[in-house]
Amino acid sequence: MKYYFYILYSESIDKYYIGHTSNIDERLHKHNTNHKGFTGKASDWKVVLTETRENKSEAYARERKVKAWKSRIKILELIEKSSEHPD
């Protein structure tokens, strides 16, 4: 089973969200529903980056690595670089 590291963006709150999942479409739908938690603050989340990983632990490791950057600039650079060279 493939897993995905992903970054979402909400224009209404101008924020990014970083996560991992095995089903990107289902996960995006959950993020865009009214719920408690960070992504519940908006309903216009869009996938701006995905990276395929071989297993859940690799996807989660990538999520932790990018979150540890704590840098919007580095996240924007990653998104820009991936759009120039898609998987």
PDB file of N, CA and C in Angstrom:
ATOM      1  N   MET A   1       0.841  -1.186   0.000  1.00  0.00           N
ATOM      2  CA  MET A   1       0.000   0.000   0.000  1.00  0.00           C
ATOM      3  C   MET A   1       0.885   1.249   0.000  1.00  0.00           C
ATOM      4  N   LYS A   2       0.524   2.197  -0.810  1.00  0.00           N
ATOM      5  CA  LYS A   2       1.251   3.465  -0.882  1.00  0.00           C
ATOM      6  C   LYS A   2       0.715   4.436   0.165  1.00  0.00           C
ATOM      7  N   TYR A   3       1.593   5.275   0.646  1.00  0.00           N
ATOM      8  CA  TYR A   3       1.221   6.338   1.572  1.00  0.00           C
ATOM      9  C   TYR A   3       1.704   7.659   0.994  1.00  0.00           C
ATOM     10  N   TYR A   4       1.099   8.720   1.459  1.00  0.00           N
ATOM     11  CA  TYR A   4       1.407  10.039   0.929  1.00  0.00           C
ATOM     12  C   TYR A   4       1.726  11.019   2.046  1.00  0.00           C
ATOM     13  N   PHE A   5       2.760  11.775   1.829  1.00  0.00           N
ATOM     14  CA  PHE A   5       3.045  12.968   2.616  1.00  0.00           C
ATOM     15  C   PHE A   5       2.374  14.091   1.831  1.00  0.00           C
ATOM     16  N   TYR A   6       1.690  15.003   2.515  1.00  0.00           N
ATOM     17  CA  TYR A   6       0.987  16.058   1.784  1.00  0.00           C
ATOM     18  C   TYR A   6       1.041  17.384   2.514  1.00  0.00           C
ATOM     19  N   ILE A   7       0.861  18.441   1.721  1.00  0.00           N
ATOM     20  CA  ILE A   7       0.727  19.783   2.273  1.00  0.00           C
ATOM     21  C   ILE A   7      -0.546  20.379   1.691  1.00  0.00           C
ATOM     22  N   LEU A   8      -1.378  20.909   2.575  1.00  0.00           N
ATOM     23  CA  LEU A   8      -2.609  21.593   2.181  1.00  0.00           C
ATOM     24  C   LEU A   8      -2.441  23.089   2.399  1.00  0.00           C
ATOM     25  N   TYR A   9      -3.245  23.855   1.676  1.00  0.00           N
ATOM     26  CA  TYR A   9      -3.249  25.303   1.863  1.00  0.00           C
ATOM     27  C   TYR A   9      -4.687  25.803   1.893  1.00  0.00           C
ATOM     28  N   SER A  10      -4.966  26.709   2.816  1.00  0.00           N
ATOM     29  CA  SER A  10      -6.264  27.375   2.905  1.00  0.00           C
ATOM     30  C   SER A  10      -6.063  28.853   2.613  1.00  0.00           C
ATOM     31  N   GLU A  11      -6.681  29.331   1.559  1.00  0.00           N
ATOM     32  CA  GLU A  11      -6.573  30.743   1.212  1.00  0.00           C
ATOM     33  C   GLU A  11      -7.309  31.622   2.227  1.00  0.00           C
ATOM     34  N   SER A  12      -8.427  31.136   2.740  1.00  0.00           N
ATOM     35  CA  SER A  12      -9.229  31.969   3.647  1.00  0.00           C
ATOM     36  C   SER A  12      -8.508  32.311   4.947  1.00  0.00           C
ATOM     37  N   ILE A  13      -7.659  31.411   5.435  1.00  0.00           N
ATOM     38  CA  ILE A  13      -6.898  31.703   6.660  1.00  0.00           C
ATOM     39  C   ILE A  13      -5.399  31.828   6.390  1.00  0.00           C
ATOM     40  N   ASP A  14      -5.010  31.686   5.125  1.00  0.00           N
ATOM     41  CA  ASP A  14      -3.613  31.824   4.690  1.00  0.00           C
ATOM     42  C   ASP A  14      -2.672  30.963   5.537  1.00  0.00           C
ATOM     43  N   LYS A  15      -3.018  29.670   5.638  1.00  0.00           N
ATOM     44  CA  LYS A  15      -2.224  28.732   6.432  1.00  0.00           C
ATOM     45  C   LYS A  15      -1.973  27.450   5.637  1.00  0.00           C
ATOM     46  N   TYR A  16      -0.897  26.771   6.028  1.00  0.00           N
ATOM     47  CA  TYR A  16      -0.554  25.471   5.464  1.00  0.00           C
ATOM     48  C   TYR A  16      -0.785  24.407   6.527  1.00  0.00           C
ATOM     49  N   TYR A  17      -1.094  23.194   6.067  1.00  0.00           N
ATOM     50  CA  TYR A  17      -1.236  22.050   6.957  1.00  0.00           C
ATOM     51  C   TYR A  17      -0.420  20.914   6.368  1.00  0.00           C
ATOM     52  N   ILE A  18       0.333  20.225   7.203  1.00  0.00           N
ATOM     53  CA  ILE A  18       1.213  19.140   6.778  1.00  0.00           C
ATOM     54  C   ILE A  18       0.732  17.840   7.411  1.00  0.00           C
ATOM     55  N   GLY A  19       0.646  16.776   6.598  1.00  0.00           N
ATOM     56  CA  GLY A  19       0.192  15.497   7.126  1.00  0.00           C
ATOM     57  C   GLY A  19       0.627  14.326   6.265  1.00  0.00           C
ATOM     58  N   HIS A  20       0.119  13.143   6.613  1.00  0.00           N
ATOM     59  CA  HIS A  20       0.355  11.937   5.822  1.00  0.00           C
ATOM     60  C   HIS A  20      -0.903  11.080   5.865  1.00  0.00           C
ATOM     61  N   THR A  21      -1.091  10.254   4.826  1.00  0.00           N
ATOM     62  CA  THR A  21      -2.295   9.438   4.715  1.00  0.00           C
ATOM     63  C   THR A  21      -2.095   8.341   3.680  1.00  0.00           C
ATOM     64  N   SER A  22      -3.012   7.390   3.662  1.00  0.00           N
ATOM     65  CA  SER A  22      -3.012   6.374   2.610  1.00  0.00           C
ATOM     66  C   SER A  22      -4.037   6.706   1.524  1.00  0.00           C
ATOM     67  N   ASN A  23      -4.950   7.632   1.823  1.00  0.00           N
ATOM     68  CA  ASN A  23      -5.992   8.000   0.852  1.00  0.00           C
ATOM     69  C   ASN A  23      -6.144   9.520   0.854  1.00  0.00           C
ATOM     70  N   ILE A  24      -5.492  10.169  -0.088  1.00  0.00           N
ATOM     71  CA  ILE A  24      -5.457  11.633  -0.104  1.00  0.00           C
ATOM     72  C   ILE A  24      -6.834  12.247  -0.338  1.00  0.00           C
ATOM     73  N   ASP A  25      -7.649  11.656  -1.206  1.00  0.00           N
ATOM     74  CA  ASP A  25      -8.972  12.220  -1.489  1.00  0.00           C
ATOM     75  C   ASP A  25      -9.882  12.163  -0.256  1.00  0.00           C
ATOM     76  N   GLU A  26      -9.887  11.030   0.408  1.00  0.00           N
ATOM     77  CA  GLU A  26     -10.701  10.877   1.621  1.00  0.00           C
ATOM     78  C   GLU A  26     -10.215  11.826   2.721  1.00  0.00           C
ATOM     79  N   ARG A  27      -8.915  11.932   2.860  1.00  0.00           N
ATOM     80  CA  ARG A  27      -8.349  12.790   3.909  1.00  0.00           C
ATOM     81  C   ARG A  27      -8.664  14.260   3.654  1.00  0.00           C
ATOM     82  N   LEU A  28      -8.568  14.687   2.388  1.00  0.00           N
ATOM     83  CA  LEU A  28      -8.897  16.071   2.045  1.00  0.00           C
ATOM     84  C   LEU A  28     -10.364  16.355   2.369  1.00  0.00           C
ATOM     85  N   HIS A  29     -11.233  15.417   2.059  1.00  0.00           N
ATOM     86  CA  HIS A  29     -12.654  15.596   2.380  1.00  0.00           C
ATOM     87  C   HIS A  29     -12.849  15.789   3.885  1.00  0.00           C
ATOM     88  N   LYS A  30     -12.162  14.994   4.690  1.00  0.00           N
ATOM     89  CA  LYS A  30     -12.271  15.128   6.148  1.00  0.00           C
ATOM     90  C   LYS A  30     -11.756  16.482   6.632  1.00  0.00           C
ATOM     91  N   HIS A  31     -10.662  16.952   6.033  1.00  0.00           N
ATOM     92  CA  HIS A  31     -10.124  18.257   6.426  1.00  0.00           C
ATOM     93  C   HIS A  31     -11.114  19.383   6.102  1.00  0.00           C
ATOM     94  N   ASN A  32     -11.878  19.222   5.044  1.00  0.00           N
ATOM     95  CA  ASN A  32     -12.791  20.275   4.609  1.00  0.00           C
ATOM     96  C   ASN A  32     -14.182  20.187   5.234  1.00  0.00           C
ATOM     97  N   THR A  33     -14.379  19.286   6.183  1.00  0.00           N
ATOM     98  CA  THR A  33     -15.645  19.212   6.893  1.00  0.00           C
ATOM     99  C   THR A  33     -15.537  19.977   8.204  1.00  0.00           C
ATOM    100  N   ASN A  34     -16.660  20.346   8.749  1.00  0.00           N
ATOM    101  CA  ASN A  34     -16.692  21.092   9.993  1.00  0.00           C
ATOM    102  C   ASN A  34     -16.338  20.158  11.155  1.00  0.00           C
ATOM    103  N   HIS A  35     -15.200  20.375  11.764  1.00  0.00           N
ATOM    104  CA  HIS A  35     -14.771  19.558  12.899  1.00  0.00           C
ATOM    105  C   HIS A  35     -13.862  20.388  13.802  1.00  0.00           C
ATOM    106  N   LYS A  36     -13.606  19.870  14.981  1.00  0.00           N
ATOM    107  CA  LYS A  36     -12.671  20.525  15.883  1.00  0.00           C
ATOM    108  C   LYS A  36     -11.261  20.217  15.405  1.00  0.00           C
ATOM    109  N   GLY A  37     -10.364  21.095  15.706  1.00  0.00           N
ATOM    110  CA  GLY A  37      -8.987  20.905  15.285  1.00  0.00           C
ATOM    111  C   GLY A  37      -8.554  22.001  14.335  1.00  0.00           C
ATOM    112  N   PHE A  38      -7.282  21.985  14.004  1.00  0.00           N
ATOM    113  CA  PHE A  38      -6.696  23.058  13.206  1.00  0.00           C
ATOM    114  C   PHE A  38      -7.388  23.233  11.862  1.00  0.00           C
ATOM    115  N   THR A  39      -7.594  22.162  11.116  1.00  0.00           N
ATOM    116  CA  THR A  39      -8.170  22.313   9.780  1.00  0.00           C
ATOM    117  C   THR A  39      -9.663  22.586   9.806  1.00  0.00           C
ATOM    118  N   GLY A  40     -10.294  22.441  10.940  1.00  0.00           N
ATOM    119  CA  GLY A  40     -11.716  22.758  11.065  1.00  0.00           C
ATOM    120  C   GLY A  40     -11.991  24.256  11.007  1.00  0.00           C
ATOM    121  N   LYS A  41     -10.953  25.063  11.052  1.00  0.00           N
ATOM    122  CA  LYS A  41     -11.110  26.521  11.004  1.00  0.00           C
ATOM    123  C   LYS A  41     -11.443  27.017   9.606  1.00  0.00           C
ATOM    124  N   ALA A  42     -11.279  26.158   8.588  1.00  0.00           N
ATOM    125  CA  ALA A  42     -11.539  26.551   7.200  1.00  0.00           C
ATOM    126  C   ALA A  42     -12.138  25.370   6.456  1.00  0.00           C
ATOM    127  N   SER A  43     -12.766  25.657   5.324  1.00  0.00           N
ATOM    128  CA  SER A  43     -13.329  24.576   4.510  1.00  0.00           C
ATOM    129  C   SER A  43     -12.891  24.704   3.052  1.00  0.00           C
ATOM    130  N   ASP A  44     -11.787  25.402   2.835  1.00  0.00           N
ATOM    131  CA  ASP A  44     -11.294  25.590   1.466  1.00  0.00           C
ATOM    132  C   ASP A  44      -9.888  25.010   1.279  1.00  0.00           C
ATOM    133  N   TRP A  45      -9.556  23.953   2.019  1.00  0.00           N
ATOM    134  CA  TRP A  45      -8.227  23.353   1.916  1.00  0.00           C
ATOM    135  C   TRP A  45      -8.030  22.746   0.534  1.00  0.00           C
ATOM    136  N   LYS A  46      -6.834  22.970  -0.024  1.00  0.00           N
ATOM    137  CA  LYS A  46      -6.456  22.410  -1.320  1.00  0.00           C
ATOM    138  C   LYS A  46      -5.102  21.736  -1.174  1.00  0.00           C
ATOM    139  N   VAL A  47      -4.926  20.630  -1.875  1.00  0.00           N
ATOM    140  CA  VAL A  47      -3.642  19.941  -1.877  1.00  0.00           C
ATOM    141  C   VAL A  47      -2.680  20.739  -2.751  1.00  0.00           C
ATOM    142  N   VAL A  48      -1.558  21.155  -2.182  1.00  0.00           N
ATOM    143  CA  VAL A  48      -0.558  21.896  -2.946  1.00  0.00           C
ATOM    144  C   VAL A  48       0.715  21.080  -3.168  1.00  0.00           C
ATOM    145  N   LEU A  49       0.833  19.947  -2.463  1.00  0.00           N
ATOM    146  CA  LEU A  49       1.991  19.082  -2.652  1.00  0.00           C
ATOM    147  C   LEU A  49       1.662  17.686  -2.149  1.00  0.00           C
ATOM    148  N   THR A  50       2.067  16.675  -2.896  1.00  0.00           N
ATOM    149  CA  THR A  50       2.027  15.292  -2.422  1.00  0.00           C
ATOM    150  C   THR A  50       3.332  14.619  -2.802  1.00  0.00           C
ATOM    151  N   GLU A  51       3.777  13.737  -1.937  1.00  0.00           N
ATOM    152  CA  GLU A  51       4.929  12.889  -2.204  1.00  0.00           C
ATOM    153  C   GLU A  51       4.536  11.470  -1.830  1.00  0.00           C
ATOM    154  N   THR A  52       4.780  10.534  -2.718  1.00  0.00           N
ATOM    155  CA  THR A  52       4.451   9.132  -2.485  1.00  0.00           C
ATOM    156  C   THR A  52       5.571   8.470  -1.697  1.00  0.00           C
ATOM    157  N   ARG A  53       5.189   7.655  -0.735  1.00  0.00           N
ATOM    158  CA  ARG A  53       6.139   6.893   0.068  1.00  0.00           C
ATOM    159  C   ARG A  53       5.722   5.424   0.056  1.00  0.00           C
ATOM    160  N   GLU A  54       6.678   4.551   0.302  1.00  0.00           N
ATOM    161  CA  GLU A  54       6.429   3.110   0.240  1.00  0.00           C
ATOM    162  C   GLU A  54       5.627   2.582   1.422  1.00  0.00           C
ATOM    163  N   ASN A  55       5.711   3.250   2.564  1.00  0.00           N
ATOM    164  CA  ASN A  55       4.990   2.765   3.740  1.00  0.00           C
ATOM    165  C   ASN A  55       4.651   3.934   4.664  1.00  0.00           C
ATOM    166  N   LYS A  56       3.843   3.628   5.658  1.00  0.00           N
ATOM    167  CA  LYS A  56       3.353   4.652   6.580  1.00  0.00           C
ATOM    168  C   LYS A  56       4.489   5.307   7.362  1.00  0.00           C
ATOM    169  N   SER A  57       5.451   4.519   7.805  1.00  0.00           N
ATOM    170  CA  SER A  57       6.531   5.098   8.618  1.00  0.00           C
ATOM    171  C   SER A  57       7.368   6.088   7.817  1.00  0.00           C
ATOM    172  N   GLU A  58       7.581   5.839   6.517  1.00  0.00           N
ATOM    173  CA  GLU A  58       8.326   6.789   5.685  1.00  0.00           C
ATOM    174  C   GLU A  58       7.539   8.084   5.494  1.00  0.00           C
ATOM    175  N   ALA A  59       6.229   7.964   5.275  1.00  0.00           N
ATOM    176  CA  ALA A  59       5.386   9.152   5.101  1.00  0.00           C
ATOM    177  C   ALA A  59       5.361   9.974   6.388  1.00  0.00           C
ATOM    178  N   TYR A  60       5.253   9.297   7.522  1.00  0.00           N
ATOM    179  CA  TYR A  60       5.217   9.994   8.801  1.00  0.00           C
ATOM    180  C   TYR A  60       6.565  10.654   9.103  1.00  0.00           C
ATOM    181  N   ALA A  61       7.650   9.972   8.762  1.00  0.00           N
ATOM    182  CA  ALA A  61       8.985  10.553   8.973  1.00  0.00           C
ATOM    183  C   ALA A  61       9.147  11.828   8.154  1.00  0.00           C
ATOM    184  N   ARG A  62       8.651  11.825   6.922  1.00  0.00           N
ATOM    185  CA  ARG A  62       8.731  13.018   6.080  1.00  0.00           C
ATOM    186  C   ARG A  62       7.898  14.149   6.685  1.00  0.00           C
ATOM    187  N   GLU A  63       6.715  13.810   7.189  1.00  0.00           N
ATOM    188  CA  GLU A  63       5.862  14.807   7.841  1.00  0.00           C
ATOM    189  C   GLU A  63       6.597  15.452   9.020  1.00  0.00           C
ATOM    190  N   ARG A  64       7.168  14.632   9.875  1.00  0.00           N
ATOM    191  CA  ARG A  64       7.890  15.149  11.049  1.00  0.00           C
ATOM    192  C   ARG A  64       9.071  16.025  10.645  1.00  0.00           C
ATOM    193  N   LYS A  65       9.790  15.619   9.591  1.00  0.00           N
ATOM    194  CA  LYS A  65      10.949  16.383   9.146  1.00  0.00           C
ATOM    195  C   LYS A  65      10.533  17.779   8.685  1.00  0.00           C
ATOM    196  N   VAL A  66       9.487  17.852   7.854  1.00  0.00           N
ATOM    197  CA  VAL A  66       9.051  19.149   7.330  1.00  0.00           C
ATOM    198  C   VAL A  66       8.451  20.008   8.441  1.00  0.00           C
ATOM    199  N   LYS A  67       7.675  19.416   9.332  1.00  0.00           N
ATOM    200  CA  LYS A  67       7.122  20.178  10.449  1.00  0.00           C
ATOM    201  C   LYS A  67       8.228  20.747  11.338  1.00  0.00           C
ATOM    202  N   ALA A  68       9.324  20.020  11.463  1.00  0.00           N
ATOM    203  CA  ALA A  68      10.426  20.468  12.314  1.00  0.00           C
ATOM    204  C   ALA A  68      11.115  21.711  11.747  1.00  0.00           C
ATOM    205  N   TRP A  69      10.962  21.958  10.460  1.00  0.00           N
ATOM    206  CA  TRP A  69      11.549  23.164   9.869  1.00  0.00           C
ATOM    207  C   TRP A  69      10.982  24.421  10.514  1.00  0.00           C
ATOM    208  N   LYS A  70       9.681  24.398  10.813  1.00  0.00           N
ATOM    209  CA  LYS A  70       8.991  25.565  11.389  1.00  0.00           C
ATOM    210  C   LYS A  70       9.267  26.824  10.559  1.00  0.00           C
ATOM    211  N   SER A  71       9.245  26.643   9.240  1.00  0.00           N
ATOM    212  CA  SER A  71       9.581  27.742   8.345  1.00  0.00           C
ATOM    213  C   SER A  71       8.639  27.772   7.146  1.00  0.00           C
ATOM    214  N   ARG A  72       7.822  28.802   7.081  1.00  0.00           N
ATOM    215  CA  ARG A  72       6.934  28.972   5.938  1.00  0.00           C
ATOM    216  C   ARG A  72       7.743  29.131   4.646  1.00  0.00           C
ATOM    217  N   ILE A  73       8.867  29.809   4.727  1.00  0.00           N
ATOM    218  CA  ILE A  73       9.701  30.029   3.551  1.00  0.00           C
ATOM    219  C   ILE A  73      10.196  28.698   2.985  1.00  0.00           C
ATOM    220  N   LYS A  74      10.672  27.811   3.844  1.00  0.00           N
ATOM    221  CA  LYS A  74      11.155  26.511   3.372  1.00  0.00           C
ATOM    222  C   LYS A  74      10.016  25.670   2.807  1.00  0.00           C
ATOM    223  N   ILE A  75       8.835  25.768   3.396  1.00  0.00           N
ATOM    224  CA  ILE A  75       7.678  25.035   2.873  1.00  0.00           C
ATOM    225  C   ILE A  75       7.316  25.570   1.491  1.00  0.00           C
ATOM    226  N   LEU A  76       7.311  26.882   1.327  1.00  0.00           N
ATOM    227  CA  LEU A  76       7.022  27.476   0.017  1.00  0.00           C
ATOM    228  C   LEU A  76       8.067  27.056  -1.013  1.00  0.00           C
ATOM    229  N   GLU A  77       9.330  27.003  -0.623  1.00  0.00           N
ATOM    230  CA  GLU A  77      10.384  26.552  -1.528  1.00  0.00           C
ATOM    231  C   GLU A  77      10.165  25.101  -1.943  1.00  0.00           C
ATOM    232  N   LEU A  78       9.761  24.253  -1.006  1.00  0.00           N
ATOM    233  CA  LEU A  78       9.486  22.844  -1.303  1.00  0.00           C
ATOM    234  C   LEU A  78       8.334  22.720  -2.298  1.00  0.00           C
ATOM    235  N   ILE A  79       7.275  23.484  -2.087  1.00  0.00           N
ATOM    236  CA  ILE A  79       6.118  23.453  -2.984  1.00  0.00           C
ATOM    237  C   ILE A  79       6.525  23.928  -4.381  1.00  0.00           C
ATOM    238  N   GLU A  80       7.274  25.017  -4.428  1.00  0.00           N
ATOM    239  CA  GLU A  80       7.711  25.549  -5.723  1.00  0.00           C
ATOM    240  C   GLU A  80       8.596  24.550  -6.458  1.00  0.00           C
ATOM    241  N   LYS A  81       9.516  23.960  -5.745  1.00  0.00           N
ATOM    242  CA  LYS A  81      10.425  22.979  -6.354  1.00  0.00           C
ATOM    243  C   LYS A  81       9.649  21.766  -6.876  1.00  0.00           C
ATOM    244  N   SER A  82       8.664  21.301  -6.133  1.00  0.00           N
ATOM    245  CA  SER A  82       7.896  20.128  -6.557  1.00  0.00           C
ATOM    246  C   SER A  82       7.034  20.432  -7.785  1.00  0.00           C
ATOM    247  N   SER A  83       6.576  21.673  -7.915  1.00  0.00           N
ATOM    248  CA  SER A  83       5.755  22.023  -9.082  1.00  0.00           C
ATOM    249  C   SER A  83       6.620  22.111 -10.340  1.00  0.00           C
ATOM    250  N   GLU A  84       7.904  22.374 -10.179  1.00  0.00           N
ATOM    251  CA  GLU A  84       8.822  22.408 -11.301  1.00  0.00           C
ATOM    252  C   GLU A  84       9.214  20.996 -11.736  1.00  0.00           C
ATOM    253  N   HIS A  85       9.245  20.065 -10.780  1.00  0.00           N
ATOM    254  CA  HIS A  85       9.656  18.685 -11.043  1.00  0.00           C
ATOM    255  C   HIS A  85       8.694  17.712 -10.364  1.00  0.00           C
ATOM    256  N   PRO A  86       7.467  17.542 -10.924  1.00  0.00           N
ATOM    257  CA  PRO A  86       6.504  16.644 -10.283  1.00  0.00           C
ATOM    258  C   PRO A  86       6.989  15.194 -10.285  1.00  0.00           C
ATOM    259  N   ASP A  87       6.477  14.408  -9.310  1.00  0.00           N
ATOM    260  CA  ASP A  87       6.872  12.981  -9.167  1.00  0.00           C
ATOM    261  C   ASP A  87       6.732  12.216 -10.458  1.00  0.00           C
TER     262      ASP A  87
END
